[in-house]
Amino acid sequence: MEYENFESALEDLKNIVQIFEENKDITMDELIANYEKGMKAYHFCAKKLDETQKKIKIIDESFE
């Protein structure tokens, strides 16, 4: 799954965490599928945060 923005990926990640916290009867296949989806969302968010941090640093440096 490709995410359009940080917010959609973060929302997916929150939903997946909620599934893990609330559903004690999750099957192994569901667990693996949700884990994979969660890792994709996590890595998308981490990449966006890293890119944003780099952009902010560039902007800050241009005002020094």
Protein backbone atom coordinates (compact mmCIF):
# COMPACT_ATOMS: atom_id res chain seq x y z
CA MET A 1 0.00 0.00 0.00
CA GLU A 2 1.23 3.45 -0.89
CA TYR A 3 0.30 6.31 1.37
CA GLU A 4 -0.58 9.77 0.11
CA ASN A 5 0.55 11.58 3.24
CA PHE A 6 1.90 11.27 6.76
CA GLU A 7 -1.52 11.60 8.35
CA SER A 8 -3.05 8.67 6.46
CA ALA A 9 -0.10 6.43 7.32
CA LEU A 10 -0.23 7.46 10.97
CA GLU A 11 -3.97 6.79 11.11
CA ASP A 12 -3.40 3.31 9.67
CA LEU A 13 -0.69 2.69 12.23
CA LYS A 14 -2.98 3.77 15.09
CA ASN A 15 -5.73 1.47 13.82
CA ILE A 16 -3.38 -1.49 13.61
CA VAL A 17 -2.11 -0.91 17.14
CA GLN A 18 -5.71 -0.76 18.33
CA ILE A 19 -6.45 -4.08 16.59
CA PHE A 20 -3.52 -5.69 18.40
CA GLU A 21 -4.54 -4.21 21.76
CA GLU A 22 -8.22 -5.11 21.56
CA ASN A 23 -8.36 -8.41 19.69
CA LYS A 24 -7.07 -11.34 21.69
CA ASP A 25 -8.53 -13.84 19.20
CA ILE A 26 -6.53 -12.65 16.18
CA THR A 27 -5.34 -15.44 13.89
CA MET A 28 -1.71 -15.89 12.96
CA ASP A 29 -2.48 -14.88 9.35
CA GLU A 30 -4.23 -11.71 10.53
CA LEU A 31 -1.36 -10.97 12.87
CA ILE A 32 1.21 -11.27 10.09
CA ALA A 33 -0.87 -9.23 7.61
CA ASN A 34 -1.43 -6.45 10.14
CA TYR A 35 2.20 -6.51 11.24
CA GLU A 36 3.35 -6.11 7.64
CA LYS A 37 0.88 -3.28 7.01
CA GLY A 38 1.94 -1.62 10.27
CA MET A 39 5.62 -1.82 9.37
CA LYS A 40 4.93 -0.21 5.99
CA ALA A 41 3.02 2.61 7.69
CA TYR A 42 5.76 3.01 10.30
CA HIS A 43 8.53 3.23 7.73
CA PHE A 44 6.53 5.70 5.65
CA CYS A 45 6.03 7.90 8.73
CA ALA A 46 9.68 7.64 9.76
CA LYS A 47 10.83 8.58 6.26
CA LYS A 48 8.46 11.59 6.14
CA LEU A 49 9.64 12.78 9.55
CA ASP A 50 13.27 12.48 8.47
CA GLU A 51 12.59 14.40 5.24
CA THR A 52 10.73 17.09 7.18
CA GLN A 53 13.55 17.43 9.69
CA LYS A 54 16.07 17.87 6.85
CA LYS A 55 13.89 20.54 5.20
CA ILE A 56 13.54 22.43 8.49
CA LYS A 57 17.29 22.34 8.98
CA ILE A 58 17.84 23.77 5.49
CA ILE A 59 15.30 26.53 6.15
CA ASP A 60 16.86 27.34 9.54
CA GLU A 61 20.34 27.50 8.02
CA SER A 62 19.18 29.91 5.33
CA PHE A 63 18.25 32.43 8.04
CA GLU A 64 21.53 32.29 9.91
